[in-house]
Amino acid sequence: MKTRRCTLHTGGVGLSVLLAAALLTGCNQSTDDLQAYIQETLQRSAPPPERYEAPQDLPSHSYPRDLDRDPFNRLSFAEPRAEEVATGPRPDPDRRREELEQYPLDALRMSGILEQNDQRWALIRDPNGTIHRVSEGNYLGQNHGRIVTITERSVELEELVRTGENRWEHRAATLASRE
């Protein structure tokens, strides 16, 4: 029977330990030059800030209260013809504005309808959540929209929109319920 003998070769392990020790001494450099640079930087004085000039006040402009034309309308250099001014649809300036005319049409929602006998009302919700009862002939929206027809699913309007300095035209609009 043969016996085997295990021997540990310490020569390879010793060489590895010696090499690791040599490498680690290279990592242990002194940081004296870094500390000197930091001290030198801290002792330098900061450059002076740039000169600050206070902003100048701009001249103000006052617009006259009684302008000849509305600044939010399209500017037209053409002179209106006399027949355009005198004829055509126009909003009634003496008509009392209704509650729902202060909101744009896209901010209003149709919530439903009510019917009694042959009378039909639409229920309209304003942006504040208040529900208003309206019927044919009432006005909605900011474009002088008069209710023409109330169906089960929509309110049909005829709006009066400005197309020029002194010209207006009718435009159909619909406020539909969301189901």
N, C-alpha and C. Protein backbone atom coordinates (compact mmCIF):
# COMPACT_ATOMS: atom_id res chain seq x y z
N MET A 1 0.81 -1.16 0.00
CA MET A 1 0.00 0.00 0.00
C MET A 1 0.86 1.24 0.00
N LYS A 2 0.45 2.15 -0.78
CA LYS A 2 1.23 3.36 -0.90
C LYS A 2 0.63 4.44 -0.02
N THR A 3 1.47 5.21 0.56
CA THR A 3 1.00 6.34 1.35
C THR A 3 1.40 7.63 0.64
N ARG A 4 0.50 8.53 0.73
CA ARG A 4 0.76 9.82 0.11
C ARG A 4 1.01 10.85 1.17
N ARG A 5 1.79 11.76 0.81
CA ARG A 5 2.17 12.79 1.73
C ARG A 5 1.81 14.14 1.15
N CYS A 6 1.13 14.92 1.92
CA CYS A 6 0.77 16.26 1.47
C CYS A 6 1.76 17.22 2.06
N THR A 7 2.31 18.02 1.20
CA THR A 7 3.22 19.04 1.68
C THR A 7 2.70 20.41 1.23
N LEU A 8 2.89 21.32 2.06
CA LEU A 8 2.45 22.70 1.78
C LEU A 8 3.67 23.47 1.30
N HIS A 9 3.51 24.04 0.15
CA HIS A 9 4.60 24.83 -0.40
C HIS A 9 4.41 26.26 0.05
N THR A 10 5.21 26.70 0.94
CA THR A 10 5.10 28.04 1.48
C THR A 10 5.81 29.06 0.63
N GLY A 11 6.55 28.63 -0.31
CA GLY A 11 7.28 29.56 -1.15
C GLY A 11 6.33 30.42 -1.97
N GLY A 12 5.24 29.89 -2.53
CA GLY A 12 4.28 30.62 -3.35
C GLY A 12 3.47 31.58 -2.51
N VAL A 13 3.07 31.17 -1.30
CA VAL A 13 2.27 32.01 -0.43
C VAL A 13 3.13 33.15 0.09
N GLY A 14 4.32 32.92 0.43
CA GLY A 14 5.20 33.97 0.94
C GLY A 14 5.47 35.04 -0.11
N LEU A 15 5.61 34.58 -1.35
CA LEU A 15 5.84 35.53 -2.43
C LEU A 15 4.61 36.41 -2.63
N SER A 16 3.43 35.84 -2.52
CA SER A 16 2.18 36.62 -2.67
C SER A 16 2.04 37.65 -1.57
N VAL A 17 2.37 37.29 -0.33
CA VAL A 17 2.27 38.21 0.79
C VAL A 17 3.28 39.34 0.61
N LEU A 18 4.46 39.03 0.17
CA LEU A 18 5.49 40.03 -0.03
C LEU A 18 5.07 41.02 -1.15
N LEU A 19 4.48 40.52 -2.22
CA LEU A 19 4.04 41.37 -3.33
C LEU A 19 2.89 42.28 -2.90
N ALA A 20 1.94 41.75 -2.12
CA ALA A 20 0.81 42.55 -1.63
C ALA A 20 1.31 43.66 -0.71
N ALA A 21 2.27 43.38 0.14
CA ALA A 21 2.81 44.38 1.06
C ALA A 21 3.50 45.50 0.27
N ALA A 22 4.17 45.15 -0.80
CA ALA A 22 4.85 46.16 -1.61
C ALA A 22 3.82 47.07 -2.30
N LEU A 23 2.74 46.47 -2.78
CA LEU A 23 1.70 47.27 -3.44
C LEU A 23 0.99 48.19 -2.45
N LEU A 24 0.74 47.72 -1.27
CA LEU A 24 0.04 48.52 -0.28
C LEU A 24 0.89 49.68 0.22
N THR A 25 2.17 49.53 0.25
CA THR A 25 3.00 50.66 0.66
C THR A 25 2.97 51.76 -0.39
N GLY A 26 2.73 51.41 -1.65
CA GLY A 26 2.60 52.42 -2.71
C GLY A 26 1.31 53.21 -2.53
N CYS A 27 0.26 52.64 -1.94
CA CYS A 27 -0.99 53.34 -1.72
C CYS A 27 -0.93 54.27 -0.52
N ASN A 28 0.04 54.12 0.29
CA ASN A 28 0.14 54.92 1.50
C ASN A 28 1.04 56.12 1.27
N GLN A 29 0.73 56.92 0.22
CA GLN A 29 1.54 58.09 -0.04
C GLN A 29 1.11 59.21 0.88
N SER A 30 1.96 60.15 1.01
CA SER A 30 1.62 61.27 1.87
C SER A 30 0.79 62.26 1.05
N THR A 31 -0.09 62.98 1.71
CA THR A 31 -0.98 63.96 1.06
C THR A 31 -0.53 65.38 1.40
N ASP A 32 0.74 65.55 1.64
CA ASP A 32 1.25 66.86 2.02
C ASP A 32 1.07 67.89 0.90
N ASP A 33 1.29 67.47 -0.36
CA ASP A 33 1.15 68.42 -1.46
C ASP A 33 -0.31 68.85 -1.65
N LEU A 34 -1.25 67.93 -1.41
CA LEU A 34 -2.67 68.27 -1.51
C LEU A 34 -3.06 69.24 -0.40
N GLN A 35 -2.61 68.99 0.80
CA GLN A 35 -2.91 69.90 1.92
C GLN A 35 -2.32 71.29 1.68
N ALA A 36 -1.15 71.36 1.11
CA ALA A 36 -0.52 72.65 0.83
C ALA A 36 -1.34 73.42 -0.22
N TYR A 37 -1.83 72.73 -1.25
CA TYR A 37 -2.64 73.39 -2.28
C TYR A 37 -3.95 73.92 -1.69
N ILE A 38 -4.57 73.16 -0.81
CA ILE A 38 -5.82 73.60 -0.18
C ILE A 38 -5.57 74.85 0.66
N GLN A 39 -4.50 74.87 1.44
CA GLN A 39 -4.18 76.02 2.26
C GLN A 39 -3.89 77.25 1.40
N GLU A 40 -3.17 77.05 0.31
CA GLU A 40 -2.87 78.17 -0.59
C GLU A 40 -4.15 78.73 -1.21
N THR A 41 -5.06 77.87 -1.61
CA THR A 41 -6.33 78.31 -2.22
C THR A 41 -7.17 79.07 -1.21
N LEU A 42 -7.23 78.60 0.03
CA LEU A 42 -8.02 79.26 1.05
C LEU A 42 -7.45 80.63 1.43
N GLN A 43 -6.15 80.82 1.29
CA GLN A 43 -5.54 82.10 1.66
C GLN A 43 -5.66 83.16 0.58
N ARG A 44 -6.00 82.75 -0.66
CA ARG A 44 -6.17 83.74 -1.74
C ARG A 44 -7.43 84.56 -1.48
N SER A 45 -7.38 85.81 -1.86
CA SER A 45 -8.58 86.64 -1.70
C SER A 45 -9.48 86.46 -2.92
N ALA A 46 -10.78 86.58 -2.68
CA ALA A 46 -11.76 86.41 -3.76
C ALA A 46 -11.74 87.64 -4.66
N PRO A 47 -12.03 87.48 -5.96
CA PRO A 47 -12.06 88.65 -6.83
C PRO A 47 -13.26 89.54 -6.47
N PRO A 48 -13.14 90.82 -6.67
CA PRO A 48 -14.26 91.72 -6.31
C PRO A 48 -15.47 91.44 -7.21
N PRO A 49 -16.68 91.61 -6.66
CA PRO A 49 -17.87 91.36 -7.50
C PRO A 49 -18.00 92.44 -8.57
N GLU A 50 -18.72 92.08 -9.64
CA GLU A 50 -18.93 93.05 -10.72
C GLU A 50 -19.83 94.17 -10.23
N ARG A 51 -19.65 95.33 -10.81
CA ARG A 51 -20.44 96.49 -10.41
C ARG A 51 -21.90 96.26 -10.78
N TYR A 52 -22.79 96.57 -9.84
CA TYR A 52 -24.22 96.41 -10.04
C TYR A 52 -24.86 97.74 -10.36
N GLU A 53 -25.59 97.78 -11.45
CA GLU A 53 -26.31 98.99 -11.81
C GLU A 53 -27.79 98.75 -11.58
N ALA A 54 -28.42 99.66 -10.87
CA ALA A 54 -29.85 99.53 -10.59
C ALA A 54 -30.63 99.69 -11.90
N PRO A 55 -31.70 98.92 -12.09
CA PRO A 55 -32.48 99.05 -13.32
C PRO A 55 -33.16 100.41 -13.39
N GLN A 56 -33.29 100.91 -14.59
CA GLN A 56 -33.94 102.20 -14.77
C GLN A 56 -35.44 102.01 -14.88
N ASP A 57 -36.19 102.95 -14.37
CA ASP A 57 -37.64 102.89 -14.49
C ASP A 57 -38.03 103.21 -15.92
N LEU A 58 -38.94 102.39 -16.45
CA LEU A 58 -39.42 102.64 -17.80
C LEU A 58 -40.54 103.66 -17.75
N PRO A 59 -40.67 104.46 -18.79
CA PRO A 59 -41.75 105.45 -18.78
C PRO A 59 -43.11 104.75 -18.86
N SER A 60 -44.07 105.25 -18.12
CA SER A 60 -45.40 104.64 -18.13
C SER A 60 -46.25 105.30 -19.20
N HIS A 61 -47.30 104.61 -19.58
CA HIS A 61 -48.19 105.11 -20.61
C HIS A 61 -49.62 104.98 -20.12
N SER A 62 -50.38 106.03 -20.24
CA SER A 62 -51.79 106.00 -19.84
C SER A 62 -52.64 105.98 -21.10
N TYR A 63 -53.56 105.01 -21.14
CA TYR A 63 -54.49 104.93 -22.26
C TYR A 63 -55.73 105.75 -21.92
N PRO A 64 -56.28 106.44 -22.89
CA PRO A 64 -57.50 107.21 -22.61
C PRO A 64 -58.67 106.29 -22.35
N ARG A 65 -59.58 106.72 -21.51
CA ARG A 65 -60.72 105.88 -21.15
C ARG A 65 -61.72 105.74 -22.29
N ASP A 66 -61.82 106.73 -23.14
CA ASP A 66 -62.80 106.68 -24.22
C ASP A 66 -62.10 106.45 -25.56
N LEU A 67 -61.73 105.19 -25.82
CA LEU A 67 -61.07 104.85 -27.07
C LEU A 67 -62.10 104.83 -28.21
N ASP A 68 -61.65 105.17 -29.41
CA ASP A 68 -62.53 105.16 -30.57
C ASP A 68 -62.88 103.74 -31.00
N ARG A 69 -62.00 102.78 -30.72
CA ARG A 69 -62.28 101.40 -31.10
C ARG A 69 -61.84 100.46 -29.98
N ASP A 70 -62.41 99.28 -29.98
CA ASP A 70 -62.08 98.26 -29.00
C ASP A 70 -60.71 97.66 -29.37
N PRO A 71 -59.71 97.68 -28.49
CA PRO A 71 -58.37 97.17 -28.85
C PRO A 71 -58.34 95.66 -29.05
N PHE A 72 -59.39 94.94 -28.67
CA PHE A 72 -59.39 93.49 -28.79
C PHE A 72 -60.08 93.01 -30.06
N ASN A 73 -60.61 93.92 -30.88
CA ASN A 73 -61.21 93.55 -32.15
C ASN A 73 -60.16 93.64 -33.25
N ARG A 74 -60.43 92.89 -34.34
CA ARG A 74 -59.52 92.91 -35.47
C ARG A 74 -59.43 94.32 -36.05
N LEU A 75 -58.24 94.72 -36.41
CA LEU A 75 -58.02 96.04 -36.97
C LEU A 75 -58.32 95.99 -38.46
N SER A 76 -59.19 96.87 -38.91
CA SER A 76 -59.53 96.94 -40.32
C SER A 76 -59.36 98.38 -40.78
N PHE A 77 -58.60 98.55 -41.87
CA PHE A 77 -58.37 99.88 -42.39
C PHE A 77 -59.41 100.27 -43.44
N ALA A 78 -60.24 99.32 -43.82
CA ALA A 78 -61.28 99.63 -44.81
C ALA A 78 -62.42 100.37 -44.13
N GLU A 79 -62.92 101.37 -44.79
CA GLU A 79 -64.06 102.12 -44.27
C GLU A 79 -65.32 101.28 -44.42
N PRO A 80 -66.13 101.14 -43.37
CA PRO A 80 -67.34 100.36 -43.52
C PRO A 80 -68.32 101.07 -44.44
N ARG A 81 -68.99 100.28 -45.26
CA ARG A 81 -70.00 100.86 -46.13
C ARG A 81 -71.24 101.17 -45.30
N ALA A 82 -71.97 102.17 -45.72
CA ALA A 82 -73.15 102.62 -44.96
C ALA A 82 -74.19 101.52 -44.83
N GLU A 83 -74.36 100.68 -45.87
CA GLU A 83 -75.38 99.63 -45.79
C GLU A 83 -74.97 98.52 -44.82
N GLU A 84 -73.63 98.30 -44.64
CA GLU A 84 -73.18 97.29 -43.69
C GLU A 84 -73.43 97.74 -42.26
N VAL A 85 -73.30 99.00 -42.00
CA VAL A 85 -73.51 99.51 -40.66
C VAL A 85 -75.00 99.49 -40.32
N ALA A 86 -75.84 99.85 -41.27
CA ALA A 86 -77.27 99.99 -41.00
C ALA A 86 -78.01 98.66 -41.06
N THR A 87 -77.55 97.69 -41.85
CA THR A 87 -78.28 96.45 -42.01
C THR A 87 -77.53 95.30 -41.38
N GLY A 88 -78.17 94.13 -41.35
CA GLY A 88 -77.54 92.93 -40.82
C GLY A 88 -77.91 92.72 -39.36
N PRO A 89 -77.63 91.53 -38.87
CA PRO A 89 -77.96 91.23 -37.47
C PRO A 89 -77.08 92.02 -36.51
N ARG A 90 -77.65 92.37 -35.38
CA ARG A 90 -76.92 93.08 -34.34
C ARG A 90 -77.46 92.61 -32.98
N PRO A 91 -76.61 92.59 -31.97
CA PRO A 91 -77.13 92.29 -30.63
C PRO A 91 -77.93 93.47 -30.11
N ASP A 92 -78.91 93.16 -29.29
CA ASP A 92 -79.74 94.21 -28.70
C ASP A 92 -78.98 94.79 -27.50
N PRO A 93 -78.55 96.06 -27.58
CA PRO A 93 -77.78 96.63 -26.47
C PRO A 93 -78.63 96.89 -25.22
N ASP A 94 -79.95 96.95 -25.37
CA ASP A 94 -80.82 97.22 -24.23
C ASP A 94 -81.32 95.95 -23.55
N ARG A 95 -81.02 94.78 -24.13
CA ARG A 95 -81.48 93.52 -23.53
C ARG A 95 -80.71 93.24 -22.24
N ARG A 96 -81.45 92.83 -21.22
CA ARG A 96 -80.82 92.50 -19.93
C ARG A 96 -80.11 91.15 -20.05
N ARG A 97 -78.86 91.12 -19.65
CA ARG A 97 -78.06 89.89 -19.74
C ARG A 97 -78.57 88.85 -18.75
N GLU A 98 -78.54 87.58 -19.17
CA GLU A 98 -78.97 86.50 -18.31
C GLU A 98 -77.77 85.91 -17.56
N GLU A 99 -78.05 85.13 -16.54
CA GLU A 99 -77.01 84.59 -15.64
C GLU A 99 -75.96 83.77 -16.39
N LEU A 100 -76.37 82.92 -17.32
CA LEU A 100 -75.43 82.02 -17.98
C LEU A 100 -74.66 82.68 -19.13
N GLU A 101 -74.87 83.97 -19.38
CA GLU A 101 -74.12 84.66 -20.42
C GLU A 101 -72.74 85.12 -19.94
N GLN A 102 -72.47 84.99 -18.67
CA GLN A 102 -71.15 85.40 -18.17
C GLN A 102 -70.10 84.31 -18.37
N TYR A 103 -70.51 83.09 -18.75
CA TYR A 103 -69.58 81.98 -18.92
C TYR A 103 -69.39 81.66 -20.40
N PRO A 104 -68.19 81.25 -20.82
CA PRO A 104 -68.02 80.78 -22.19
C PRO A 104 -68.82 79.49 -22.39
N LEU A 105 -69.23 79.24 -23.61
CA LEU A 105 -70.08 78.09 -23.89
C LEU A 105 -69.40 76.77 -23.55
N ASP A 106 -68.09 76.68 -23.74
CA ASP A 106 -67.39 75.42 -23.44
C ASP A 106 -67.23 75.17 -21.94
N ALA A 107 -67.58 76.13 -21.10
CA ALA A 107 -67.51 75.93 -19.64
C ALA A 107 -68.86 75.44 -19.09
N LEU A 108 -69.89 75.44 -19.91
CA LEU A 108 -71.23 75.01 -19.48
C LEU A 108 -71.45 73.56 -19.89
N ARG A 109 -72.22 72.82 -19.09
CA ARG A 109 -72.50 71.41 -19.36
C ARG A 109 -74.01 71.18 -19.26
N MET A 110 -74.55 70.42 -20.21
CA MET A 110 -75.95 70.04 -20.15
C MET A 110 -76.05 68.83 -19.24
N SER A 111 -76.89 68.93 -18.19
CA SER A 111 -77.02 67.83 -17.23
C SER A 111 -78.25 66.97 -17.49
N GLY A 112 -79.25 67.51 -18.15
CA GLY A 112 -80.46 66.74 -18.42
C GLY A 112 -81.58 67.65 -18.89
N ILE A 113 -82.80 67.08 -18.94
CA ILE A 113 -83.96 67.86 -19.35
C ILE A 113 -85.11 67.59 -18.39
N LEU A 114 -86.06 68.51 -18.38
CA LEU A 114 -87.32 68.36 -17.65
C LEU A 114 -88.45 68.59 -18.64
N GLU A 115 -89.51 67.82 -18.54
CA GLU A 115 -90.67 68.02 -19.40
C GLU A 115 -91.92 68.00 -18.54
N GLN A 116 -92.83 68.93 -18.83
CA GLN A 116 -94.12 68.94 -18.16
C GLN A 116 -95.12 69.50 -19.16
N ASN A 117 -96.21 68.75 -19.38
CA ASN A 117 -97.18 69.08 -20.43
C ASN A 117 -96.41 69.17 -21.75
N ASP A 118 -96.44 70.25 -22.43
CA ASP A 118 -95.68 70.38 -23.67
C ASP A 118 -94.49 71.31 -23.52
N GLN A 119 -94.10 71.63 -22.31
CA GLN A 119 -92.97 72.52 -22.04
C GLN A 119 -91.73 71.68 -21.74
N ARG A 120 -90.57 72.05 -22.33
CA ARG A 120 -89.31 71.33 -22.11
C ARG A 120 -88.26 72.33 -21.64
N TRP A 121 -87.54 71.96 -20.58
CA TRP A 121 -86.45 72.77 -20.04
C TRP A 121 -85.16 71.95 -20.08
N ALA A 122 -84.07 72.62 -20.26
CA ALA A 122 -82.76 71.98 -20.18
C ALA A 122 -82.13 72.35 -18.84
N LEU A 123 -81.41 71.43 -18.26
CA LEU A 123 -80.68 71.67 -17.01
C LEU A 123 -79.21 71.89 -17.38
N ILE A 124 -78.72 73.09 -17.10
CA ILE A 124 -77.35 73.47 -17.47
C ILE A 124 -76.54 73.71 -16.20
N ARG A 125 -75.37 73.06 -16.15
CA ARG A 125 -74.45 73.22 -15.00
C ARG A 125 -73.38 74.24 -15.35
N ASP A 126 -73.22 75.27 -14.50
CA ASP A 126 -72.18 76.28 -14.72
C ASP A 126 -70.87 75.81 -14.09
N PRO A 127 -69.75 76.51 -14.29
CA PRO A 127 -68.46 76.07 -13.76
C PRO A 127 -68.42 75.98 -12.23
N ASN A 128 -69.32 76.69 -11.54
CA ASN A 128 -69.35 76.64 -10.08
C ASN A 128 -70.15 75.45 -9.56
N GLY A 129 -70.79 74.68 -10.46
CA GLY A 129 -71.57 73.51 -10.06
C GLY A 129 -73.05 73.80 -9.87
N THR A 130 -73.50 75.02 -10.06
CA THR A 130 -74.91 75.38 -9.92
C THR A 130 -75.65 74.94 -11.17
N ILE A 131 -76.84 74.37 -10.97
CA ILE A 131 -77.65 73.92 -12.09
C ILE A 131 -78.75 74.95 -12.34
N HIS A 132 -78.87 75.36 -13.63
CA HIS A 132 -79.85 76.36 -14.04
C HIS A 132 -80.87 75.70 -14.97
N ARG A 133 -82.12 76.12 -14.87
CA ARG A 133 -83.17 75.63 -15.76
C ARG A 133 -83.40 76.67 -16.83
N VAL A 134 -83.27 76.28 -18.10
CA VAL A 134 -83.44 77.20 -19.22
C VAL A 134 -84.42 76.60 -20.22
N SER A 135 -85.03 77.47 -21.01
CA SER A 135 -85.96 77.00 -22.05
C SER A 135 -85.63 77.72 -23.35
N GLU A 136 -86.38 77.39 -24.41
CA GLU A 136 -86.14 78.02 -25.70
C GLU A 136 -86.35 79.53 -25.56
N GLY A 137 -85.45 80.29 -26.16
CA GLY A 137 -85.51 81.74 -26.07
C GLY A 137 -84.55 82.32 -25.03
N ASN A 138 -84.08 81.50 -24.07
CA ASN A 138 -83.08 81.98 -23.11
C ASN A 138 -81.72 82.09 -23.80
N TYR A 139 -80.80 82.80 -23.15
CA TYR A 139 -79.47 83.04 -23.72
C TYR A 139 -78.40 82.32 -22.90
N LEU A 140 -77.38 81.80 -23.61
CA LEU A 140 -76.23 81.11 -23.00
C LEU A 140 -74.94 81.59 -23.64
N GLY A 141 -73.85 81.55 -22.91
CA GLY A 141 -72.53 81.83 -23.47
C GLY A 141 -72.27 83.31 -23.67
N GLN A 142 -71.06 83.61 -24.07
CA GLN A 142 -70.62 84.99 -24.18
C GLN A 142 -70.79 85.58 -25.58
N ASN A 143 -71.36 84.79 -26.50
CA ASN A 143 -71.55 85.28 -27.87
C ASN A 143 -73.03 85.49 -28.20
N HIS A 144 -73.80 85.98 -27.24
CA HIS A 144 -75.21 86.27 -27.46
C HIS A 144 -75.95 85.05 -27.98
N GLY A 145 -75.68 83.87 -27.44
CA GLY A 145 -76.28 82.62 -27.92
C GLY A 145 -77.70 82.44 -27.40
N ARG A 146 -78.68 82.44 -28.32
CA ARG A 146 -80.08 82.25 -27.95
C ARG A 146 -80.47 80.80 -28.22
N ILE A 147 -81.15 80.17 -27.26
CA ILE A 147 -81.56 78.77 -27.40
C ILE A 147 -82.67 78.69 -28.44
N VAL A 148 -82.44 77.84 -29.45
CA VAL A 148 -83.41 77.65 -30.52
C VAL A 148 -84.22 76.38 -30.28
N THR A 149 -83.54 75.27 -29.96
CA THR A 149 -84.20 73.98 -29.77
C THR A 149 -83.57 73.24 -28.61
N ILE A 150 -84.41 72.55 -27.84
CA ILE A 150 -83.93 71.66 -26.78
C ILE A 150 -84.38 70.26 -27.14
N THR A 151 -83.41 69.36 -27.32
CA THR A 151 -83.72 67.96 -27.58
C THR A 151 -83.35 67.16 -26.34
N GLU A 152 -83.54 65.86 -26.42
CA GLU A 152 -83.21 65.01 -25.26
C GLU A 152 -81.72 64.96 -24.99
N ARG A 153 -80.90 65.18 -26.01
CA ARG A 153 -79.45 65.05 -25.85
C ARG A 153 -78.66 66.33 -26.07
N SER A 154 -79.32 67.42 -26.50
CA SER A 154 -78.54 68.64 -26.78
C SER A 154 -79.41 69.89 -26.70
N VAL A 155 -78.71 71.02 -26.61
CA VAL A 155 -79.33 72.34 -26.68
C VAL A 155 -78.71 73.02 -27.90
N GLU A 156 -79.55 73.40 -28.86
CA GLU A 156 -79.05 74.04 -30.06
C GLU A 156 -79.23 75.54 -29.93
N LEU A 157 -78.16 76.28 -30.25
CA LEU A 157 -78.12 77.73 -30.08
C LEU A 157 -77.88 78.42 -31.41
N GLU A 158 -78.24 79.67 -31.45
CA GLU A 158 -77.87 80.55 -32.55
C GLU A 158 -77.11 81.71 -31.93
N GLU A 159 -75.79 81.74 -32.18
CA GLU A 159 -74.95 82.79 -31.60
C GLU A 159 -74.84 83.95 -32.58
N LEU A 160 -74.51 85.09 -32.05
CA LEU A 160 -74.29 86.29 -32.84
C LEU A 160 -72.85 86.71 -32.60
N VAL A 161 -71.99 86.51 -33.58
CA VAL A 161 -70.56 86.78 -33.41
C VAL A 161 -70.13 87.93 -34.29
N ARG A 162 -69.16 88.67 -33.82
CA ARG A 162 -68.63 89.82 -34.55
C ARG A 162 -67.65 89.32 -35.61
N THR A 163 -67.83 89.77 -36.85
CA THR A 163 -66.93 89.39 -37.93
C THR A 163 -66.10 90.56 -38.43
N GLY A 164 -66.38 91.72 -37.99
CA GLY A 164 -65.64 92.91 -38.40
C GLY A 164 -65.96 94.05 -37.45
N GLU A 165 -65.50 95.22 -37.81
CA GLU A 165 -65.70 96.39 -36.97
C GLU A 165 -67.18 96.64 -36.67
N ASN A 166 -68.01 96.62 -37.69
CA ASN A 166 -69.44 96.89 -37.50
C ASN A 166 -70.31 95.77 -38.05
N ARG A 167 -69.78 94.59 -38.22
CA ARG A 167 -70.52 93.50 -38.81
C ARG A 167 -70.67 92.34 -37.84
N TRP A 168 -71.82 91.72 -37.87
CA TRP A 168 -72.13 90.57 -37.04
C TRP A 168 -72.73 89.51 -37.94
N GLU A 169 -72.62 88.24 -37.52
CA GLU A 169 -73.27 87.17 -38.28
C GLU A 169 -73.74 86.09 -37.31
N HIS A 170 -74.74 85.34 -37.77
CA HIS A 170 -75.29 84.23 -36.98
C HIS A 170 -74.41 83.01 -37.16
N ARG A 171 -74.27 82.25 -36.08
CA ARG A 171 -73.49 81.01 -36.12
C ARG A 171 -74.21 79.99 -35.26
N ALA A 172 -74.35 78.77 -35.75
CA ALA A 172 -75.00 77.71 -35.00
C ALA A 172 -74.00 77.08 -34.02
N ALA A 173 -74.51 76.76 -32.84
CA ALA A 173 -73.68 76.09 -31.83
C ALA A 173 -74.54 75.08 -31.10
N THR A 174 -73.91 74.07 -30.53
CA THR A 174 -74.63 73.01 -29.83
C THR A 174 -73.97 72.74 -28.49
N LEU A 175 -74.78 72.58 -27.48
CA LEU A 175 -74.31 72.18 -26.16
C LEU A 175 -74.89 70.78 -25.93
N ALA A 176 -74.05 69.76 -26.00
CA ALA A 176 -74.53 68.38 -25.91
C ALA A 176 -74.34 67.81 -24.52
N SER A 177 -75.20 66.86 -24.16
CA SER A 177 -75.06 66.20 -22.87
C SER A 177 -73.97 65.13 -22.98
N ARG A 178 -73.35 64.83 -21.88
CA ARG A 178 -72.30 63.80 -21.85
C ARG A 178 -72.86 62.57 -21.18
N GLU A 179 -72.95 61.51 -21.94
CA GLU A 179 -73.45 60.25 -21.37
C GLU A 179 -72.44 59.18 -21.46
